[in-house]
Amino acid sequence: MIAVLDASAAIEIVLQRNLAEKLSKYVVEADWVIAPTLFISEVTNTVWKYQKFADFPYRSCEKALEQALALPDDFINELDLYREAFKLSCTLNHPVYDMLYLVIARRNNGLLLTLDKKLVKAANKCSVEIGGL
């Protein structure tokens, strides 16, 4: 199985929240876990918000970042995805950054791991299998 990991699922795993065990199982069982390089910025920004607004200790944030960024086996460059992601965004009226994950999942017949409800709806329209919610 190929798993496409989005930032929401990665944060859920590293912070050991409600669905961490379920999502971790998908990651462990996957033959290949991939994400767009955008994943790095999204995860980093989310952890920054935890540090800034939820008073997470800086060292804990660094550890969470390292753990989250170690989850994907490979990162896919958006340069290889942007045209298809843009077209899909226009078709589904959904932000391009989410469509990057969807395009990777669709191209690789992958399981999209996300907790983003709007992205789940978009994935369902494209017959992309979801793991997460």
Protein backbone atom coordinates (compact mmCIF):
# COMPACT_ATOMS: atom_id res chain seq x y z
CA MET A 1 0.00 0.00 0.00
CA ILE A 2 1.11 3.56 -0.74
CA ALA A 3 0.09 6.18 1.81
CA VAL A 4 -0.02 9.92 1.18
CA LEU A 5 0.39 11.71 4.47
CA ASP A 6 -0.93 15.22 5.00
CA ALA A 7 0.07 17.61 7.77
CA SER A 8 -3.10 17.15 9.82
CA ALA A 9 -2.55 13.40 10.04
CA ALA A 10 1.14 13.79 10.85
CA ILE A 11 0.43 16.23 13.68
CA GLU A 12 -2.25 13.87 15.03
CA ILE A 13 0.34 11.07 15.12
CA VAL A 14 3.21 12.95 16.73
CA LEU A 15 1.03 14.63 19.35
CA GLN A 16 -0.59 11.27 20.15
CA ARG A 17 -4.13 12.54 19.78
CA ASN A 18 -7.37 10.56 19.38
CA LEU A 19 -6.71 9.04 15.96
CA ALA A 20 -2.94 8.65 16.33
CA GLU A 21 -3.03 4.88 16.75
CA LYS A 22 -5.23 4.35 13.67
CA LEU A 23 -3.12 6.67 11.51
CA SER A 24 0.16 5.22 12.78
CA LYS A 25 -1.02 1.77 11.77
CA TYR A 26 -1.53 2.95 8.18
CA VAL A 27 1.95 4.52 8.15
CA VAL A 28 3.62 1.41 9.56
CA GLU A 29 1.79 -0.93 7.17
CA ALA A 30 2.46 1.20 4.08
CA ASP A 31 5.12 0.12 1.63
CA TRP A 32 5.77 3.75 0.78
CA VAL A 33 4.71 6.92 2.61
CA ILE A 34 4.89 10.10 0.53
CA ALA A 35 3.95 13.76 0.75
CA PRO A 36 4.54 16.92 -1.26
CA THR A 37 7.45 19.07 -0.12
CA LEU A 38 4.77 21.55 1.01
CA PHE A 39 4.23 19.13 3.93
CA ILE A 40 7.44 20.45 5.51
CA SER A 41 6.14 24.04 5.65
CA GLU A 42 2.67 23.01 6.75
CA VAL A 43 3.91 20.86 9.62
CA THR A 44 6.46 23.46 10.69
CA ASN A 45 3.85 26.21 10.69
CA THR A 46 1.41 24.08 12.70
CA VAL A 47 4.05 23.31 15.32
CA TRP A 48 4.93 27.01 15.46
CA LYS A 49 1.27 27.74 16.26
CA TYR A 50 1.38 25.23 19.11
CA GLN A 51 4.50 26.92 20.48
CA LYS A 52 3.09 30.41 20.10
CA PHE A 53 -0.55 29.97 21.07
CA ALA A 54 -0.63 26.80 23.20
CA ASP A 55 2.63 27.40 25.08
CA PHE A 56 4.22 24.15 23.97
CA PRO A 57 7.85 24.12 25.13
CA TYR A 58 10.31 24.91 22.37
CA ARG A 59 12.19 21.60 22.82
CA SER A 60 8.95 19.64 22.59
CA CYS A 61 8.15 21.46 19.37
CA GLU A 62 11.54 20.59 17.91
CA LYS A 63 11.02 16.94 18.79
CA ALA A 64 7.53 16.95 17.25
CA LEU A 65 8.94 18.49 14.07
CA GLU A 66 11.66 15.88 13.78
CA GLN A 67 9.16 13.08 14.32
CA ALA A 68 6.64 14.45 11.82
CA LEU A 69 9.23 15.07 9.12
CA ALA A 70 10.57 11.54 9.56
CA LEU A 71 7.17 9.96 8.80
CA PRO A 72 7.24 10.24 4.97
CA ASP A 73 9.73 8.07 3.12
CA ASP A 74 9.90 10.57 0.26
CA PHE A 75 8.80 14.08 -0.60
CA ILE A 76 7.39 14.85 -4.05
CA ASN A 77 8.34 18.20 -5.58
CA GLU A 78 5.38 20.44 -6.42
CA LEU A 79 7.02 21.32 -9.73
CA ASP A 80 5.87 17.89 -10.88
CA LEU A 81 2.34 18.44 -9.58
CA TYR A 82 1.27 22.05 -9.98
CA ARG A 83 -0.46 21.86 -13.36
CA GLU A 84 -2.68 18.96 -12.39
CA ALA A 85 -3.26 20.42 -8.92
CA PHE A 86 -4.27 23.77 -10.42
CA LYS A 87 -6.72 22.14 -12.83
CA LEU A 88 -8.21 20.06 -10.03
CA SER A 89 -8.48 23.16 -7.82
CA CYS A 90 -10.41 24.98 -10.52
CA THR A 91 -12.65 21.97 -11.13
CA LEU A 92 -13.40 21.25 -7.46
CA ASN A 93 -13.21 24.85 -6.21
CA HIS A 94 -10.67 23.84 -3.57
CA PRO A 95 -7.26 25.32 -2.60
CA VAL A 96 -4.26 24.20 -4.60
CA TYR A 97 -2.17 23.22 -1.57
CA ASP A 98 -4.70 20.52 -0.65
CA MET A 99 -4.94 19.36 -4.25
CA LEU A 100 -1.21 18.59 -4.21
CA TYR A 101 -1.90 15.78 -1.75
CA LEU A 102 -4.88 14.63 -3.78
CA VAL A 103 -2.90 14.55 -7.02
CA ILE A 104 -0.15 12.46 -5.41
CA ALA A 105 -2.72 10.03 -4.03
CA ARG A 106 -4.53 9.78 -7.34
CA ARG A 107 -1.37 9.29 -9.39
CA ASN A 108 -0.10 6.55 -7.10
CA ASN A 109 -3.42 4.90 -6.27
CA GLY A 110 -2.53 5.80 -2.72
CA LEU A 111 -4.45 5.98 0.52
CA LEU A 112 -4.78 9.63 1.55
CA LEU A 113 -4.22 10.07 5.29
CA THR A 114 -5.92 13.26 6.39
CA LEU A 115 -8.20 14.71 9.03
CA ASP A 116 -9.24 17.62 6.81
CA LYS A 117 -12.99 17.20 6.25
CA LYS A 118 -13.06 19.43 3.15
CA LEU A 119 -10.17 17.50 1.62
CA VAL A 120 -12.01 14.25 2.35
CA LYS A 121 -15.02 15.56 0.40
CA ALA A 122 -12.77 16.52 -2.53
CA ALA A 123 -11.06 13.13 -2.43
CA ASN A 124 -14.41 11.36 -2.50
CA LYS A 125 -15.28 13.26 -5.70
CA CYS A 126 -12.08 11.90 -7.26
CA SER A 127 -12.51 8.34 -5.95
CA VAL A 128 -9.39 8.61 -3.80
CA GLU A 129 -9.41 6.27 -0.81
CA ILE A 130 -9.18 7.95 2.61
CA GLY A 131 -7.62 6.80 5.83
CA GLY A 132 -8.18 8.96 8.86
CA LEU A 133 -11.68 10.27 9.52
